[in-house]
Amino acid sequence: MGMHSLIIFDCDGTLVDSERLYNTVTAELLNEIGYDEYTPQLCLERFSGKSWSTIRDELEEHHGEPMPADIVQRYIKIAGSRMDTDLKAARHASAVLKNLKAQTQICIGSNGERGNVIKSLAVTSLLSYFEEDRIFTKIQVERPKPAPDIFLFACDKMQTPPANALVIEDSPAGVNAARAAGIDVLGFIGTAHDKAAQGQALKDAGANAIIDELIHIEHHLKR
């Protein structure tokens, strides 16, 4: 791991403990349209870290039929309405961001819907650590993670070579994206349902190291 002058945080499942909420909503929507086998747990295993447009493509291919035209809009609406009550920050997120921001550049690189990302950071009182133009979301690039686009875009906008950046990610898709961009990546398992399995999945995807607390980012910063 090289010199790190920029830390790029994923949002969902990394700074905000949101994967359970999102995958519960995903399961409900899929059950509603007749796919009874999708439990929140199965959705967590299959879809964590993926954008809903990717999920939709995978489902259409797997089931051999189109999804309802408005399914992504319905997902965004329901998830948005539950954020106020069902979202919490990951443990120590606020203290870690405050500390890191005092010593290095930080930004967000997310596959989430931009409105959802900003709202989830606001609901969990983390938005104050990020200027609006340091929140990068998939709408700004051609391809979502696991493609490297979002992380390369963030490095470009933050004027930092990928070799000097460090990504914090909780999903294999995100770790794959960071590796494809040539960026060091810590796999975070603090919000995972099955920490051992998630740690192994992130290692297999190419994470440089696994951390179970955000406070451990500091140990991996090389200056």
C-alpha atoms as a PDB file:
ATOM      1  CA  MET A   1       0.000   0.000   0.000  1.00  0.00           C
ATOM      2  CA  GLY A   2       1.404   3.361  -1.050  1.00  0.00           C
ATOM      3  CA  MET A   3       1.175   6.953   0.154  1.00  0.00           C
ATOM      4  CA  HIS A   4      -2.430   7.937   0.724  1.00  0.00           C
ATOM      5  CA  SER A   5      -3.494  11.535   0.233  1.00  0.00           C
ATOM      6  CA  LEU A   6      -7.151  10.779  -0.562  1.00  0.00           C
ATOM      7  CA  ILE A   7      -9.617   8.428   1.097  1.00  0.00           C
ATOM      8  CA  ILE A   8     -12.683   7.481  -0.942  1.00  0.00           C
ATOM      9  CA  PHE A   9     -15.567   6.123   1.106  1.00  0.00           C
ATOM     10  CA  ASP A  10     -18.384   4.034  -0.203  1.00  0.00           C
ATOM     11  CA  CYS A  11     -21.608   5.152   1.493  1.00  0.00           C
ATOM     12  CA  ASP A  12     -24.088   2.281   1.841  1.00  0.00           C
ATOM     13  CA  GLY A  13     -22.814  -0.442   4.147  1.00  0.00           C
ATOM     14  CA  THR A  14     -19.599   1.481   4.801  1.00  0.00           C
ATOM     15  CA  LEU A  15     -20.435   4.836   6.403  1.00  0.00           C
ATOM     16  CA  VAL A  16     -24.154   4.150   6.676  1.00  0.00           C
ATOM     17  CA  ASP A  17     -25.593   0.860   7.869  1.00  0.00           C
ATOM     18  CA  SER A  18     -28.145   0.717   5.072  1.00  0.00           C
ATOM     19  CA  GLU A  19     -27.762  -2.597   3.268  1.00  0.00           C
ATOM     20  CA  ARG A  20     -30.329  -4.294   5.517  1.00  0.00           C
ATOM     21  CA  LEU A  21     -32.932  -1.598   4.808  1.00  0.00           C
ATOM     22  CA  TYR A  22     -32.264  -1.608   1.063  1.00  0.00           C
ATOM     23  CA  ASN A  23     -32.314  -5.371   0.727  1.00  0.00           C
ATOM     24  CA  THR A  24     -35.498  -5.649   2.807  1.00  0.00           C
ATOM     25  CA  VAL A  25     -37.191  -3.206   0.420  1.00  0.00           C
ATOM     26  CA  THR A  26     -35.776  -5.137  -2.549  1.00  0.00           C
ATOM     27  CA  ALA A  27     -37.176  -8.409  -1.150  1.00  0.00           C
ATOM     28  CA  GLU A  28     -40.617  -6.852  -0.556  1.00  0.00           C
ATOM     29  CA  LEU A  29     -40.773  -5.504  -4.108  1.00  0.00           C
ATOM     30  CA  LEU A  30     -39.712  -8.828  -5.608  1.00  0.00           C
ATOM     31  CA  ASN A  31     -42.206 -10.746  -3.444  1.00  0.00           C
ATOM     32  CA  GLU A  32     -44.934  -8.323  -4.547  1.00  0.00           C
ATOM     33  CA  ILE A  33     -44.327  -9.113  -8.226  1.00  0.00           C
ATOM     34  CA  GLY A  34     -44.386 -12.849  -7.587  1.00  0.00           C
ATOM     35  CA  TYR A  35     -40.803 -13.845  -6.814  1.00  0.00           C
ATOM     36  CA  ASP A  36     -41.430 -15.390  -3.395  1.00  0.00           C
ATOM     37  CA  GLU A  37     -37.962 -16.905  -2.997  1.00  0.00           C
ATOM     38  CA  TYR A  38     -36.261 -13.532  -2.400  1.00  0.00           C
ATOM     39  CA  THR A  39     -35.835 -13.069   1.348  1.00  0.00           C
ATOM     40  CA  PRO A  40     -33.954 -10.031   2.718  1.00  0.00           C
ATOM     41  CA  GLN A  41     -31.070 -12.406   3.492  1.00  0.00           C
ATOM     42  CA  LEU A  42     -30.901 -13.793  -0.055  1.00  0.00           C
ATOM     43  CA  CYS A  43     -31.009 -10.235  -1.440  1.00  0.00           C
ATOM     44  CA  LEU A  44     -28.147  -9.246   0.881  1.00  0.00           C
ATOM     45  CA  GLU A  45     -26.070 -12.162  -0.402  1.00  0.00           C
ATOM     46  CA  ARG A  46     -26.830 -11.582  -4.083  1.00  0.00           C
ATOM     47  CA  PHE A  47     -27.219  -7.842  -4.436  1.00  0.00           C
ATOM     48  CA  SER A  48     -25.180  -5.987  -1.789  1.00  0.00           C
ATOM     49  CA  GLY A  49     -23.247  -3.103  -3.304  1.00  0.00           C
ATOM     50  CA  LYS A  50     -24.940  -3.360  -6.705  1.00  0.00           C
ATOM     51  CA  SER A  51     -26.990  -0.558  -8.234  1.00  0.00           C
ATOM     52  CA  TRP A  52     -30.682  -1.283  -8.789  1.00  0.00           C
ATOM     53  CA  SER A  53     -30.213  -1.013 -12.550  1.00  0.00           C
ATOM     54  CA  THR A  54     -27.656  -3.860 -12.309  1.00  0.00           C
ATOM     55  CA  ILE A  55     -29.984  -5.867 -10.046  1.00  0.00           C
ATOM     56  CA  ARG A  56     -32.787  -5.412 -12.547  1.00  0.00           C
ATOM     57  CA  ASP A  57     -30.608  -6.656 -15.442  1.00  0.00           C
ATOM     58  CA  GLU A  58     -29.511  -9.709 -13.435  1.00  0.00           C
ATOM     59  CA  LEU A  59     -33.105 -10.559 -12.467  1.00  0.00           C
ATOM     60  CA  GLU A  60     -34.392 -10.184 -16.023  1.00  0.00           C
ATOM     61  CA  GLU A  61     -31.642 -12.476 -17.282  1.00  0.00           C
ATOM     62  CA  HIS A  62     -32.134 -15.001 -14.468  1.00  0.00           C
ATOM     63  CA  HIS A  63     -35.935 -15.168 -14.731  1.00  0.00           C
ATOM     64  CA  GLY A  64     -36.154 -14.665 -18.486  1.00  0.00           C
ATOM     65  CA  GLU A  65     -38.781 -11.941 -18.324  1.00  0.00           C
ATOM     66  CA  PRO A  66     -38.884  -8.164 -18.003  1.00  0.00           C
ATOM     67  CA  MET A  67     -39.348  -6.414 -14.657  1.00  0.00           C
ATOM     68  CA  PRO A  68     -42.218  -3.906 -14.277  1.00  0.00           C
ATOM     69  CA  ALA A  69     -41.283  -0.633 -16.008  1.00  0.00           C
ATOM     70  CA  ASP A  70     -41.563   1.404 -12.795  1.00  0.00           C
ATOM     71  CA  ILE A  71     -39.737  -0.969 -10.438  1.00  0.00           C
ATOM     72  CA  VAL A  72     -36.624   1.165  -9.954  1.00  0.00           C
ATOM     73  CA  GLN A  73     -38.763   4.252  -9.247  1.00  0.00           C
ATOM     74  CA  ARG A  74     -40.828   2.250  -6.749  1.00  0.00           C
ATOM     75  CA  TYR A  75     -37.664   1.047  -5.055  1.00  0.00           C
ATOM     76  CA  ILE A  76     -36.271   4.600  -4.766  1.00  0.00           C
ATOM     77  CA  LYS A  77     -39.562   5.887  -3.353  1.00  0.00           C
ATOM     78  CA  ILE A  78     -39.995   3.182  -0.694  1.00  0.00           C
ATOM     79  CA  ALA A  79     -36.340   3.198   0.363  1.00  0.00           C
ATOM     80  CA  GLY A  80     -36.444   6.991   0.585  1.00  0.00           C
ATOM     81  CA  SER A  81     -39.545   6.973   2.764  1.00  0.00           C
ATOM     82  CA  ARG A  82     -37.961   4.570   5.276  1.00  0.00           C
ATOM     83  CA  MET A  83     -34.588   6.246   5.588  1.00  0.00           C
ATOM     84  CA  ASP A  84     -35.621   8.645   8.342  1.00  0.00           C
ATOM     85  CA  THR A  85     -36.436   5.803  10.709  1.00  0.00           C
ATOM     86  CA  ASP A  86     -34.341   2.866   9.533  1.00  0.00           C
ATOM     87  CA  LEU A  87     -30.850   4.262   8.904  1.00  0.00           C
ATOM     88  CA  LYS A  88     -27.948   4.541  11.322  1.00  0.00           C
ATOM     89  CA  ALA A  89     -24.340   5.559  10.855  1.00  0.00           C
ATOM     90  CA  ALA A  90     -21.758   2.793  11.013  1.00  0.00           C
ATOM     91  CA  ARG A  91     -20.018   2.663  14.392  1.00  0.00           C
ATOM     92  CA  HIS A  92     -17.509   5.504  14.979  1.00  0.00           C
ATOM     93  CA  ALA A  93     -18.202   6.957  11.498  1.00  0.00           C
ATOM     94  CA  SER A  94     -18.537  10.546  12.708  1.00  0.00           C
ATOM     95  CA  ALA A  95     -15.388  10.508  14.857  1.00  0.00           C
ATOM     96  CA  VAL A  96     -13.368   8.809  12.111  1.00  0.00           C
ATOM     97  CA  LEU A  97     -14.469  11.293   9.424  1.00  0.00           C
ATOM     98  CA  LYS A  98     -13.741  14.258  11.695  1.00  0.00           C
ATOM     99  CA  ASN A  99     -10.287  12.925  12.472  1.00  0.00           C
ATOM    100  CA  LEU A 100      -9.397  11.981   8.881  1.00  0.00           C
ATOM    101  CA  LYS A 101     -10.726  15.208   7.408  1.00  0.00           C
ATOM    102  CA  ALA A 102      -8.302  17.137   9.613  1.00  0.00           C
ATOM    103  CA  GLN A 103      -5.328  15.345   8.047  1.00  0.00           C
ATOM    104  CA  THR A 104      -6.197  14.300   4.497  1.00  0.00           C
ATOM    105  CA  GLN A 105      -8.728  14.649   1.662  1.00  0.00           C
ATOM    106  CA  ILE A 106     -11.917  12.607   1.900  1.00  0.00           C
ATOM    107  CA  CYS A 107     -14.769  12.027  -0.541  1.00  0.00           C
ATOM    108  CA  ILE A 108     -17.648   9.653  -1.333  1.00  0.00           C
ATOM    109  CA  GLY A 109     -17.713   7.227  -4.287  1.00  0.00           C
ATOM    110  CA  SER A 110     -21.103   5.492  -4.400  1.00  0.00           C
ATOM    111  CA  ASN A 111     -23.246   3.271  -6.634  1.00  0.00           C
ATOM    112  CA  GLY A 112     -26.323   4.684  -4.916  1.00  0.00           C
ATOM    113  CA  GLU A 113     -29.000   6.993  -6.289  1.00  0.00           C
ATOM    114  CA  ARG A 114     -27.629  10.500  -5.667  1.00  0.00           C
ATOM    115  CA  GLY A 115     -30.671  11.683  -3.710  1.00  0.00           C
ATOM    116  CA  ASN A 116     -30.549   8.586  -1.506  1.00  0.00           C
ATOM    117  CA  VAL A 117     -26.820   8.983  -0.821  1.00  0.00           C
ATOM    118  CA  ILE A 118     -27.185  12.624   0.211  1.00  0.00           C
ATOM    119  CA  LYS A 119     -30.262  11.884   2.299  1.00  0.00           C
ATOM    120  CA  SER A 120     -28.662   8.912   4.052  1.00  0.00           C
ATOM    121  CA  LEU A 121     -25.615  11.022   4.953  1.00  0.00           C
ATOM    122  CA  ALA A 122     -27.920  13.786   6.189  1.00  0.00           C
ATOM    123  CA  VAL A 123     -30.142  11.455   8.264  1.00  0.00           C
ATOM    124  CA  THR A 124     -27.050   9.974   9.957  1.00  0.00           C
ATOM    125  CA  SER A 125     -25.460  13.428  10.553  1.00  0.00           C
ATOM    126  CA  LEU A 126     -22.450  12.693   8.332  1.00  0.00           C
ATOM    127  CA  LEU A 127     -23.231  15.091   5.483  1.00  0.00           C
ATOM    128  CA  SER A 128     -21.327  17.975   7.099  1.00  0.00           C
ATOM    129  CA  TYR A 129     -18.023  16.174   6.452  1.00  0.00           C
ATOM    130  CA  PHE A 130     -18.494  16.244   2.672  1.00  0.00           C
ATOM    131  CA  GLU A 131     -18.896  19.225   0.357  1.00  0.00           C
ATOM    132  CA  GLU A 132     -21.535  18.545  -2.312  1.00  0.00           C
ATOM    133  CA  ASP A 133     -18.863  18.402  -5.041  1.00  0.00           C
ATOM    134  CA  ARG A 134     -16.994  15.684  -3.110  1.00  0.00           C
ATOM    135  CA  ILE A 135     -19.930  13.280  -3.224  1.00  0.00           C
ATOM    136  CA  PHE A 136     -19.489  11.222  -6.393  1.00  0.00           C
ATOM    137  CA  THR A 137     -22.319   8.933  -7.473  1.00  0.00           C
ATOM    138  CA  LYS A 138     -22.969   6.597 -10.380  1.00  0.00           C
ATOM    139  CA  ILE A 139     -25.066   9.150 -12.286  1.00  0.00           C
ATOM    140  CA  GLN A 140     -21.812  11.044 -13.008  1.00  0.00           C
ATOM    141  CA  VAL A 141     -20.125   8.145 -14.816  1.00  0.00           C
ATOM    142  CA  GLU A 142     -20.903   5.733 -17.630  1.00  0.00           C
ATOM    143  CA  ARG A 143     -20.771   2.457 -15.701  1.00  0.00           C
ATOM    144  CA  PRO A 144     -21.463   1.640 -12.032  1.00  0.00           C
ATOM    145  CA  LYS A 145     -19.208  -0.547  -9.878  1.00  0.00           C
ATOM    146  CA  PRO A 146     -17.742  -3.161 -10.366  1.00  0.00           C
ATOM    147  CA  ALA A 147     -16.432  -1.006 -13.243  1.00  0.00           C
ATOM    148  CA  PRO A 148     -13.662   1.374 -12.075  1.00  0.00           C
ATOM    149  CA  ASP A 149     -15.322   4.523 -13.503  1.00  0.00           C
ATOM    150  CA  ILE A 150     -16.592   6.091 -10.259  1.00  0.00           C
ATOM    151  CA  PHE A 151     -13.246   5.776  -8.461  1.00  0.00           C
ATOM    152  CA  LEU A 152     -11.218   7.043 -11.423  1.00  0.00           C
ATOM    153  CA  PHE A 153     -13.661   9.957 -11.723  1.00  0.00           C
ATOM    154  CA  ALA A 154     -13.255  10.750  -8.001  1.00  0.00           C
ATOM    155  CA  CYS A 155      -9.440  10.673  -8.266  1.00  0.00           C
ATOM    156  CA  ASP A 156      -9.564  12.946 -11.306  1.00  0.00           C
ATOM    157  CA  LYS A 157     -11.864  15.478  -9.612  1.00  0.00           C
ATOM    158  CA  MET A 158      -9.809  15.355  -6.396  1.00  0.00           C
ATOM    159  CA  GLN A 159      -6.594  15.746  -8.437  1.00  0.00           C
ATOM    160  CA  THR A 160      -5.030  12.652  -6.877  1.00  0.00           C
ATOM    161  CA  PRO A 161      -3.339   9.789  -8.767  1.00  0.00           C
ATOM    162  CA  PRO A 162      -5.099   6.447  -8.134  1.00  0.00           C
ATOM    163  CA  ALA A 163      -1.824   5.152  -6.641  1.00  0.00           C
ATOM    164  CA  ASN A 164      -2.179   7.743  -3.845  1.00  0.00           C
ATOM    165  CA  ALA A 165      -5.808   6.995  -3.029  1.00  0.00           C
ATOM    166  CA  LEU A 166      -7.342   4.518  -0.584  1.00  0.00           C
ATOM    167  CA  VAL A 167     -10.886   3.146  -0.971  1.00  0.00           C
ATOM    168  CA  ILE A 168     -13.051   1.901   1.929  1.00  0.00           C
ATOM    169  CA  GLU A 169     -15.624  -0.631   0.679  1.00  0.00           C
ATOM    170  CA  ASP A 170     -17.984  -3.227   2.120  1.00  0.00           C
ATOM    171  CA  SER A 171     -18.957  -5.116  -1.047  1.00  0.00           C
ATOM    172  CA  PRO A 172     -17.085  -7.346  -3.522  1.00  0.00           C
ATOM    173  CA  ALA A 173     -18.438  -5.169  -6.370  1.00  0.00           C
ATOM    174  CA  GLY A 174     -16.811  -2.127  -4.778  1.00  0.00           C
ATOM    175  CA  VAL A 175     -13.526  -3.911  -4.088  1.00  0.00           C
ATOM    176  CA  ASN A 176     -13.464  -5.120  -7.716  1.00  0.00           C
ATOM    177  CA  ALA A 177     -14.022  -1.530  -8.872  1.00  0.00           C
ATOM    178  CA  ALA A 178     -11.154  -0.223  -6.738  1.00  0.00           C
ATOM    179  CA  ARG A 179      -8.775  -2.955  -7.916  1.00  0.00           C
ATOM    180  CA  ALA A 180      -9.738  -2.302 -11.546  1.00  0.00           C
ATOM    181  CA  ALA A 181      -8.902   1.377 -10.959  1.00  0.00           C
ATOM    182  CA  GLY A 182      -5.513   0.468  -9.479  1.00  0.00           C
ATOM    183  CA  ILE A 183      -6.435   1.804  -6.035  1.00  0.00           C
ATOM    184  CA  ASP A 184      -5.616   0.285  -2.635  1.00  0.00           C
ATOM    185  CA  VAL A 185      -8.782  -0.880  -0.889  1.00  0.00           C
ATOM    186  CA  LEU A 186      -9.732  -1.826   2.654  1.00  0.00           C
ATOM    187  CA  GLY A 187     -12.620  -4.274   2.947  1.00  0.00           C
ATOM    188  CA  PHE A 188     -14.951  -3.170   5.757  1.00  0.00           C
ATOM    189  CA  ILE A 189     -17.060  -5.841   7.476  1.00  0.00           C
ATOM    190  CA  GLY A 190     -18.413  -3.790  10.398  1.00  0.00           C
ATOM    191  CA  THR A 191     -21.985  -3.702   9.074  1.00  0.00           C
ATOM    192  CA  ALA A 192     -21.970  -7.232   7.600  1.00  0.00           C
ATOM    193  CA  HIS A 193     -24.501  -9.836   8.680  1.00  0.00           C
ATOM    194  CA  ASP A 194     -21.959 -12.677   8.432  1.00  0.00           C
ATOM    195  CA  LYS A 195     -18.586 -11.068   9.081  1.00  0.00           C
ATOM    196  CA  ALA A 196     -16.421 -14.125   8.378  1.00  0.00           C
ATOM    197  CA  ALA A 197     -18.099 -14.854   5.044  1.00  0.00           C
ATOM    198  CA  GLN A 198     -18.036 -11.191   4.022  1.00  0.00           C
ATOM    199  CA  GLY A 199     -14.381 -10.855   4.991  1.00  0.00           C
ATOM    200  CA  GLN A 200     -13.529 -13.863   2.840  1.00  0.00           C
ATOM    201  CA  ALA A 201     -15.571 -12.523  -0.093  1.00  0.00           C
ATOM    202  CA  LEU A 202     -13.792  -9.143   0.116  1.00  0.00           C
ATOM    203  CA  LYS A 203     -10.385 -10.829   0.369  1.00  0.00           C
ATOM    204  CA  ASP A 204     -11.226 -12.986  -2.653  1.00  0.00           C
ATOM    205  CA  ALA A 205     -12.224  -9.831  -4.563  1.00  0.00           C
ATOM    206  CA  GLY A 206      -8.758  -8.411  -3.880  1.00  0.00           C
ATOM    207  CA  ALA A 207      -8.979  -6.236  -0.758  1.00  0.00           C
ATOM    208  CA  ASN A 208      -5.525  -5.295   0.565  1.00  0.00           C
ATOM    209  CA  ALA A 209      -6.736  -5.838   4.125  1.00  0.00           C
ATOM    210  CA  ILE A 210      -9.972  -6.396   6.052  1.00  0.00           C
ATOM    211  CA  ILE A 211     -11.127  -4.094   8.865  1.00  0.00           C
ATOM    212  CA  ASP A 212     -14.108  -4.598  11.167  1.00  0.00           C
ATOM    213  CA  GLU A 213     -14.059  -1.059  12.610  1.00  0.00           C
ATOM    214  CA  LEU A 214     -13.690   2.244  10.759  1.00  0.00           C
ATOM    215  CA  ILE A 215     -11.210   3.385  13.434  1.00  0.00           C
ATOM    216  CA  HIS A 216      -8.756   0.855  11.985  1.00  0.00           C
ATOM    217  CA  ILE A 217      -8.385   2.883   8.773  1.00  0.00           C
ATOM    218  CA  GLU A 218      -5.693   4.898  10.575  1.00  0.00           C
ATOM    219  CA  HIS A 219      -3.439   1.827  10.948  1.00  0.00           C
ATOM    220  CA  HIS A 220      -3.400   1.424   7.180  1.00  0.00           C
ATOM    221  CA  LEU A 221      -2.611   5.027   6.212  1.00  0.00           C
ATOM    222  CA  LYS A 222       0.934   5.276   4.913  1.00  0.00           C
ATOM    223  CA  ARG A 223       2.397   8.719   4.649  1.00  0.00           C
END
